[in-house]
PDB file of all heavy atoms in Angstrom:
ATOM      1  N   PRO A   1      -8.836  -4.250  17.092  1.00  0.00           N
ATOM      2  CA  PRO A   1      -8.237  -4.140  15.761  1.00  0.00           C
ATOM      3  C   PRO A   1      -6.955  -4.956  15.625  1.00  0.00           C
ATOM      4  O   PRO A   1      -6.039  -4.865  16.443  1.00  0.00           O
ATOM      5  CB  PRO A   1      -7.946  -2.637  15.634  1.00  0.00           C
ATOM      6  CG  PRO A   1      -8.953  -1.989  16.512  1.00  0.00           C
ATOM      7  CD  PRO A   1      -9.102  -2.927  17.687  1.00  0.00           C
ATOM      8  N   ARG A   2      -6.914  -5.751  14.583  1.00  0.00           N
ATOM      9  CA  ARG A   2      -5.726  -6.506  14.175  1.00  0.00           C
ATOM     10  C   ARG A   2      -6.036  -7.002  12.777  1.00  0.00           C
ATOM     11  O   ARG A   2      -7.037  -7.664  12.559  1.00  0.00           O
ATOM     12  CB  ARG A   2      -5.459  -7.676  15.130  1.00  0.00           C
ATOM     13  CG  ARG A   2      -6.690  -8.549  15.394  1.00  0.00           C
ATOM     14  CD  ARG A   2      -6.430  -9.555  16.497  1.00  0.00           C
ATOM     15  NE  ARG A   2      -7.564 -10.456  16.697  1.00  0.00           N
ATOM     16  CZ  ARG A   2      -8.599 -10.184  17.497  1.00  0.00           C
ATOM     17  NH1 ARG A   2      -8.642  -9.039  18.154  1.00  0.00           N
ATOM     18  NH2 ARG A   2      -9.587 -11.057  17.629  1.00  0.00           N
ATOM     19  N   SER A   3      -5.222  -6.669  11.819  1.00  0.00           N
ATOM     20  CA  SER A   3      -5.599  -6.991  10.457  1.00  0.00           C
ATOM     21  C   SER A   3      -4.404  -6.936   9.527  1.00  0.00           C
ATOM     22  O   SER A   3      -3.526  -6.072   9.654  1.00  0.00           O
ATOM     23  CB  SER A   3      -6.666  -6.005   9.956  1.00  0.00           C
ATOM     24  OG  SER A   3      -6.996  -6.271   8.609  1.00  0.00           O
ATOM     25  N   TYR A   4      -4.419  -7.858   8.564  1.00  0.00           N
ATOM     26  CA  TYR A   4      -3.413  -7.830   7.508  1.00  0.00           C
ATOM     27  C   TYR A   4      -3.616  -6.653   6.560  1.00  0.00           C
ATOM     28  O   TYR A   4      -2.752  -6.352   5.745  1.00  0.00           O
ATOM     29  CB  TYR A   4      -3.428  -9.146   6.726  1.00  0.00           C
ATOM     30  CG  TYR A   4      -2.838 -10.296   7.504  1.00  0.00           C
ATOM     31  CD1 TYR A   4      -3.641 -11.214   8.159  1.00  0.00           C
ATOM     32  CD2 TYR A   4      -1.462 -10.446   7.588  1.00  0.00           C
ATOM     33  CE1 TYR A   4      -3.096 -12.262   8.888  1.00  0.00           C
ATOM     34  CE2 TYR A   4      -0.894 -11.493   8.317  1.00  0.00           C
ATOM     35  CZ  TYR A   4      -1.720 -12.395   8.959  1.00  0.00           C
ATOM     36  OH  TYR A   4      -1.167 -13.422   9.687  1.00  0.00           O
ATOM     37  N   PHE A   5      -4.738  -5.964   6.676  1.00  0.00           N
ATOM     38  CA  PHE A   5      -4.947  -4.795   5.827  1.00  0.00           C
ATOM     39  C   PHE A   5      -3.983  -3.672   6.167  1.00  0.00           C
ATOM     40  O   PHE A   5      -3.822  -2.742   5.379  1.00  0.00           O
ATOM     41  CB  PHE A   5      -6.396  -4.316   5.934  1.00  0.00           C
ATOM     42  CG  PHE A   5      -7.343  -5.133   5.099  1.00  0.00           C
ATOM     43  CD1 PHE A   5      -8.397  -5.816   5.690  1.00  0.00           C
ATOM     44  CD2 PHE A   5      -7.167  -5.233   3.732  1.00  0.00           C
ATOM     45  CE1 PHE A   5      -9.258  -6.583   4.916  1.00  0.00           C
ATOM     46  CE2 PHE A   5      -8.027  -5.993   2.957  1.00  0.00           C
ATOM     47  CZ  PHE A   5      -9.082  -6.664   3.547  1.00  0.00           C
ATOM     48  N   LEU A   6      -3.342  -3.734   7.317  1.00  0.00           N
ATOM     49  CA  LEU A   6      -2.287  -2.778   7.606  1.00  0.00           C
ATOM     50  C   LEU A   6      -1.184  -2.875   6.557  1.00  0.00           C
ATOM     51  O   LEU A   6      -0.552  -1.869   6.201  1.00  0.00           O
ATOM     52  CB  LEU A   6      -1.714  -3.041   9.001  1.00  0.00           C
ATOM     53  CG  LEU A   6      -0.627  -2.079   9.489  1.00  0.00           C
ATOM     54  CD1 LEU A   6      -1.160  -0.657   9.597  1.00  0.00           C
ATOM     55  CD2 LEU A   6      -0.071  -2.546  10.832  1.00  0.00           C
ATOM     56  N   GLU A   7      -0.942  -4.068   6.025  1.00  0.00           N
ATOM     57  CA  GLU A   7       0.017  -4.267   4.941  1.00  0.00           C
ATOM     58  C   GLU A   7      -0.581  -3.966   3.573  1.00  0.00           C
ATOM     59  O   GLU A   7       0.095  -3.436   2.695  1.00  0.00           O
ATOM     60  CB  GLU A   7       0.517  -5.719   4.930  1.00  0.00           C
ATOM     61  CG  GLU A   7       1.271  -6.171   6.152  1.00  0.00           C
ATOM     62  CD  GLU A   7       1.710  -7.630   6.020  1.00  0.00           C
ATOM     63  OE1 GLU A   7       2.054  -8.052   4.899  1.00  0.00           O
ATOM     64  OE2 GLU A   7       1.690  -8.349   7.034  1.00  0.00           O
ATOM     65  N   ILE A   8      -1.836  -4.314   3.387  1.00  0.00           N
ATOM     66  CA  ILE A   8      -2.446  -4.264   2.059  1.00  0.00           C
ATOM     67  C   ILE A   8      -2.844  -2.854   1.654  1.00  0.00           C
ATOM     68  O   ILE A   8      -2.609  -2.429   0.507  1.00  0.00           O
ATOM     69  CB  ILE A   8      -3.685  -5.185   2.007  1.00  0.00           C
ATOM     70  CG1 ILE A   8      -3.310  -6.629   2.371  1.00  0.00           C
ATOM     71  CG2 ILE A   8      -4.353  -5.112   0.649  1.00  0.00           C
ATOM     72  CD1 ILE A   8      -2.278  -7.259   1.459  1.00  0.00           C
ATOM     73  N   ILE A   9      -3.445  -2.093   2.561  1.00  0.00           N
ATOM     74  CA  ILE A   9      -3.984  -0.777   2.201  1.00  0.00           C
ATOM     75  C   ILE A   9      -2.923   0.155   1.610  1.00  0.00           C
ATOM     76  O   ILE A   9      -3.200   0.835   0.609  1.00  0.00           O
ATOM     77  CB  ILE A   9      -4.702  -0.135   3.410  1.00  0.00           C
ATOM     78  CG1 ILE A   9      -6.027  -0.860   3.663  1.00  0.00           C
ATOM     79  CG2 ILE A   9      -4.945   1.358   3.187  1.00  0.00           C
ATOM     80  CD1 ILE A   9      -6.770  -0.423   4.918  1.00  0.00           C
ATOM     81  N   PRO A  10      -1.691   0.215   2.138  1.00  0.00           N
ATOM     82  CA  PRO A  10      -0.707   1.107   1.531  1.00  0.00           C
ATOM     83  C   PRO A  10      -0.304   0.715   0.110  1.00  0.00           C
ATOM     84  O   PRO A  10       0.333   1.515  -0.589  1.00  0.00           O
ATOM     85  CB  PRO A  10       0.496   0.996   2.483  1.00  0.00           C
ATOM     86  CG  PRO A  10      -0.104   0.600   3.784  1.00  0.00           C
ATOM     87  CD  PRO A  10      -1.215  -0.338   3.425  1.00  0.00           C
ATOM     88  N   GLN A  11      -0.660  -0.492  -0.324  1.00  0.00           N
ATOM     89  CA  GLN A  11      -0.323  -0.921  -1.681  1.00  0.00           C
ATOM     90  C   GLN A  11      -1.432  -0.607  -2.687  1.00  0.00           C
ATOM     91  O   GLN A  11      -1.231  -0.749  -3.894  1.00  0.00           O
ATOM     92  CB  GLN A  11      -0.055  -2.423  -1.692  1.00  0.00           C
ATOM     93  CG  GLN A  11       1.081  -2.859  -0.783  1.00  0.00           C
ATOM     94  CD  GLN A  11       1.295  -4.357  -0.819  1.00  0.00           C
ATOM     95  OE1 GLN A  11       1.542  -4.933  -1.869  1.00  0.00           O
ATOM     96  NE2 GLN A  11       1.180  -5.008   0.322  1.00  0.00           N
ATOM     97  N   LEU A  12      -2.581  -0.172  -2.213  1.00  0.00           N
ATOM     98  CA  LEU A  12      -3.699   0.120  -3.099  1.00  0.00           C
ATOM     99  C   LEU A  12      -3.459   1.394  -3.904  1.00  0.00           C
ATOM    100  O   LEU A  12      -2.845   2.338  -3.414  1.00  0.00           O
ATOM    101  CB  LEU A  12      -4.979   0.296  -2.288  1.00  0.00           C
ATOM    102  CG  LEU A  12      -5.665  -0.957  -1.747  1.00  0.00           C
ATOM    103  CD1 LEU A  12      -6.716  -0.581  -0.719  1.00  0.00           C
ATOM    104  CD2 LEU A  12      -6.302  -1.745  -2.892  1.00  0.00           C
ATOM    105  N   GLY A  13      -3.968   1.406  -5.132  1.00  0.00           N
ATOM    106  CA  GLY A  13      -3.989   2.626  -5.917  1.00  0.00           C
ATOM    107  C   GLY A  13      -2.670   3.041  -6.483  1.00  0.00           C
ATOM    108  O   GLY A  13      -2.374   4.234  -6.579  1.00  0.00           O
ATOM    109  N   CYS A  14      -1.865   2.080  -6.900  1.00  0.00           N
ATOM    110  CA  CYS A  14      -0.535   2.405  -7.400  1.00  0.00           C
ATOM    111  C   CYS A  14      -0.506   2.623  -8.904  1.00  0.00           C
ATOM    112  O   CYS A  14       0.539   2.899  -9.477  1.00  0.00           O
ATOM    113  CB  CYS A  14       0.446   1.284  -7.059  1.00  0.00           C
ATOM    114  SG  CYS A  14       0.543   0.975  -5.298  1.00  0.00           S
ATOM    115  N   GLY A  15      -1.643   2.456  -9.553  1.00  0.00           N
ATOM    116  CA  GLY A  15      -1.682   2.587 -11.009  1.00  0.00           C
ATOM    117  C   GLY A  15      -1.712   4.026 -11.454  1.00  0.00           C
ATOM    118  O   GLY A  15      -1.758   4.965 -10.668  1.00  0.00           O
ATOM    119  N   ALA A  16      -1.718   4.214 -12.761  1.00  0.00           N
ATOM    120  CA  ALA A  16      -1.798   5.557 -13.320  1.00  0.00           C
ATOM    121  C   ALA A  16      -3.090   6.214 -12.861  1.00  0.00           C
ATOM    122  O   ALA A  16      -4.147   5.608 -12.857  1.00  0.00           O
ATOM    123  CB  ALA A  16      -1.751   5.492 -14.843  1.00  0.00           C
ATOM    124  N   GLY A  17      -2.986   7.481 -12.483  1.00  0.00           N
ATOM    125  CA  GLY A  17      -4.174   8.205 -12.068  1.00  0.00           C
ATOM    126  C   GLY A  17      -4.548   7.991 -10.621  1.00  0.00           C
ATOM    127  O   GLY A  17      -5.594   8.442 -10.190  1.00  0.00           O
ATOM    128  N   SER A  18      -3.696   7.281  -9.863  1.00  0.00           N
ATOM    129  CA  SER A  18      -3.993   7.097  -8.452  1.00  0.00           C
ATOM    130  C   SER A  18      -4.077   8.443  -7.758  1.00  0.00           C
ATOM    131  O   SER A  18      -3.258   9.326  -8.002  1.00  0.00           O
ATOM    132  CB  SER A  18      -2.903   6.250  -7.790  1.00  0.00           C
ATOM    133  OG  SER A  18      -3.030   6.323  -6.392  1.00  0.00           O
ATOM    134  N   PRO A  19      -5.061   8.639  -6.871  1.00  0.00           N
ATOM    135  CA  PRO A  19      -5.158   9.905  -6.169  1.00  0.00           C
ATOM    136  C   PRO A  19      -4.073  10.094  -5.117  1.00  0.00           C
ATOM    137  O   PRO A  19      -3.952  11.167  -4.554  1.00  0.00           O
ATOM    138  CB  PRO A  19      -6.530   9.831  -5.492  1.00  0.00           C
ATOM    139  CG  PRO A  19      -6.785   8.370  -5.323  1.00  0.00           C
ATOM    140  CD  PRO A  19      -6.154   7.719  -6.510  1.00  0.00           C
ATOM    141  N   ASP A  20      -3.295   9.058  -4.866  1.00  0.00           N
ATOM    142  CA  ASP A  20      -2.282   9.131  -3.817  1.00  0.00           C
ATOM    143  C   ASP A  20      -0.991   8.473  -4.293  1.00  0.00           C
ATOM    144  O   ASP A  20      -0.777   7.287  -4.086  1.00  0.00           O
ATOM    145  CB  ASP A  20      -2.779   8.439  -2.546  1.00  0.00           C
ATOM    146  CG  ASP A  20      -1.787   8.596  -1.398  1.00  0.00           C
ATOM    147  OD1 ASP A  20      -0.834   9.377  -1.553  1.00  0.00           O
ATOM    148  OD2 ASP A  20      -1.989   7.947  -0.364  1.00  0.00           O
ATOM    149  N   PRO A  21      -0.089   9.221  -4.972  1.00  0.00           N
ATOM    150  CA  PRO A  21       1.142   8.629  -5.484  1.00  0.00           C
ATOM    151  C   PRO A  21       1.984   7.980  -4.409  1.00  0.00           C
ATOM    152  O   PRO A  21       2.748   7.053  -4.680  1.00  0.00           O
ATOM    153  CB  PRO A  21       1.873   9.842  -6.110  1.00  0.00           C
ATOM    154  CG  PRO A  21       0.793  10.840  -6.379  1.00  0.00           C
ATOM    155  CD  PRO A  21      -0.215  10.646  -5.285  1.00  0.00           C
ATOM    156  N   ALA A  22       1.866   8.445  -3.172  1.00  0.00           N
ATOM    157  CA  ALA A  22       2.671   7.852  -2.095  1.00  0.00           C
ATOM    158  C   ALA A  22       2.330   6.400  -1.872  1.00  0.00           C
ATOM    159  O   ALA A  22       3.090   5.658  -1.267  1.00  0.00           O
ATOM    160  CB  ALA A  22       2.462   8.638  -0.799  1.00  0.00           C
ATOM    161  N   ALA A  23       1.172   5.968  -2.384  1.00  0.00           N
ATOM    162  CA  ALA A  23       0.771   4.571  -2.190  1.00  0.00           C
ATOM    163  C   ALA A  23       1.699   3.609  -2.893  1.00  0.00           C
ATOM    164  O   ALA A  23       1.721   2.418  -2.595  1.00  0.00           O
ATOM    165  CB  ALA A  23      -0.663   4.365  -2.689  1.00  0.00           C
ATOM    166  N   ALA A  24       2.488   4.109  -3.841  1.00  0.00           N
ATOM    167  CA  ALA A  24       3.397   3.225  -4.574  1.00  0.00           C
ATOM    168  C   ALA A  24       4.534   2.725  -3.710  1.00  0.00           C
ATOM    169  O   ALA A  24       5.230   1.783  -4.072  1.00  0.00           O
ATOM    170  CB  ALA A  24       3.963   3.960  -5.790  1.00  0.00           C
ATOM    171  N   ARG A  25       4.756   3.361  -2.569  1.00  0.00           N
ATOM    172  CA  ARG A  25       5.819   2.897  -1.679  1.00  0.00           C
ATOM    173  C   ARG A  25       5.346   1.692  -0.894  1.00  0.00           C
ATOM    174  O   ARG A  25       4.272   1.719  -0.284  1.00  0.00           O
ATOM    175  CB  ARG A  25       6.225   4.019  -0.722  1.00  0.00           C
ATOM    176  CG  ARG A  25       6.844   5.214  -1.423  1.00  0.00           C
ATOM    177  CD  ARG A  25       7.516   6.124  -0.397  1.00  0.00           C
ATOM    178  NE  ARG A  25       6.550   6.648   0.544  1.00  0.00           N
ATOM    179  CZ  ARG A  25       5.908   7.797   0.377  1.00  0.00           C
ATOM    180  NH1 ARG A  25       6.109   8.518  -0.703  1.00  0.00           N
ATOM    181  NH2 ARG A  25       5.058   8.228   1.306  1.00  0.00           N
ATOM    182  N   ALA A  26       6.133   0.647  -0.892  1.00  0.00           N
ATOM    183  CA  ALA A  26       5.756  -0.548  -0.123  1.00  0.00           C
ATOM    184  C   ALA A  26       5.783  -0.219   1.358  1.00  0.00           C
ATOM    185  O   ALA A  26       6.699   0.449   1.834  1.00  0.00           O
ATOM    186  CB  ALA A  26       6.720  -1.688  -0.429  1.00  0.00           C
ATOM    187  N   PRO A  27       4.793  -0.684   2.133  1.00  0.00           N
ATOM    188  CA  PRO A  27       4.752  -0.377   3.556  1.00  0.00           C
ATOM    189  C   PRO A  27       5.797  -1.151   4.329  1.00  0.00           C
ATOM    190  O   PRO A  27       6.255  -2.202   3.894  1.00  0.00           O
ATOM    191  CB  PRO A  27       3.340  -0.822   3.967  1.00  0.00           C
ATOM    192  CG  PRO A  27       3.019  -1.919   2.998  1.00  0.00           C
ATOM    193  CD  PRO A  27       3.672  -1.517   1.710  1.00  0.00           C
ATOM    194  N   ARG A  28       6.149  -0.606   5.486  1.00  0.00           N
ATOM    195  CA  ARG A  28       7.064  -1.317   6.379  1.00  0.00           C
ATOM    196  C   ARG A  28       6.461  -2.672   6.751  1.00  0.00           C
ATOM    197  O   ARG A  28       5.294  -2.774   7.104  1.00  0.00           O
ATOM    198  CB  ARG A  28       7.300  -0.507   7.644  1.00  0.00           C
ATOM    199  CG  ARG A  28       8.309  -1.129   8.595  1.00  0.00           C
ATOM    200  CD  ARG A  28       8.378  -0.359   9.877  1.00  0.00           C
ATOM    201  NE  ARG A  28       8.703   1.036   9.635  1.00  0.00           N
ATOM    202  CZ  ARG A  28       8.714   1.953  10.608  1.00  0.00           C
ATOM    203  NH1 ARG A  28       8.402   1.628  11.838  1.00  0.00           N
ATOM    204  NH2 ARG A  28       9.015   3.209  10.316  1.00  0.00           N
ATOM    205  N   GLY A  29       7.252  -3.738   6.630  1.00  0.00           N
ATOM    206  CA  GLY A  29       6.757  -5.057   6.985  1.00  0.00           C
ATOM    207  C   GLY A  29       6.034  -5.755   5.853  1.00  0.00           C
ATOM    208  O   GLY A  29       5.563  -6.869   6.007  1.00  0.00           O
ATOM    209  N   SER A  30       5.949  -5.116   4.672  1.00  0.00           N
ATOM    210  CA  SER A  30       5.272  -5.763   3.553  1.00  0.00           C
ATOM    211  C   SER A  30       6.217  -6.732   2.881  1.00  0.00           C
ATOM    212  O   SER A  30       7.383  -6.856   3.228  1.00  0.00           O
ATOM    213  CB  SER A  30       4.800  -4.714   2.541  1.00  0.00           C
ATOM    214  OG  SER A  30       5.898  -4.241   1.784  1.00  0.00           O
ATOM    215  N   THR A  31       5.729  -7.401   1.849  1.00  0.00           N
ATOM    216  CA  THR A  31       6.561  -8.354   1.142  1.00  0.00           C
ATOM    217  C   THR A  31       7.570  -7.663   0.236  1.00  0.00           C
ATOM    218  O   THR A  31       8.407  -8.309  -0.368  1.00  0.00           O
ATOM    219  CB  THR A  31       5.681  -9.279   0.292  1.00  0.00           C
ATOM    220  OG1 THR A  31       4.870  -8.475  -0.572  1.00  0.00           O
ATOM    221  CG2 THR A  31       4.794 -10.132   1.173  1.00  0.00           C
ATOM    222  N   GLY A  32       7.482  -6.320   0.107  1.00  0.00           N
ATOM    223  CA  GLY A  32       8.469  -5.580  -0.658  1.00  0.00           C
ATOM    224  C   GLY A  32       8.077  -5.325  -2.094  1.00  0.00           C
ATOM    225  O   GLY A  32       8.758  -4.604  -2.804  1.00  0.00           O
ATOM    226  N   SER A  33       6.994  -5.889  -2.586  1.00  0.00           N
ATOM    227  CA  SER A  33       6.531  -5.648  -3.944  1.00  0.00           C
ATOM    228  C   SER A  33       5.035  -5.432  -3.917  1.00  0.00           C
ATOM    229  O   SER A  33       4.334  -5.900  -3.026  1.00  0.00           O
ATOM    230  CB  SER A  33       6.880  -6.831  -4.851  1.00  0.00           C
ATOM    231  OG  SER A  33       6.257  -8.008  -4.383  1.00  0.00           O
TER     232      SER A  33
END
């Protein structure tokens, strides 16, 4: 396992109605937005 999805997955589902509001937080090591 090695993947850029470690950065991408925490950014998914940030819109209204997301089942996981915590996803709106940018992950450690992400581009910050």
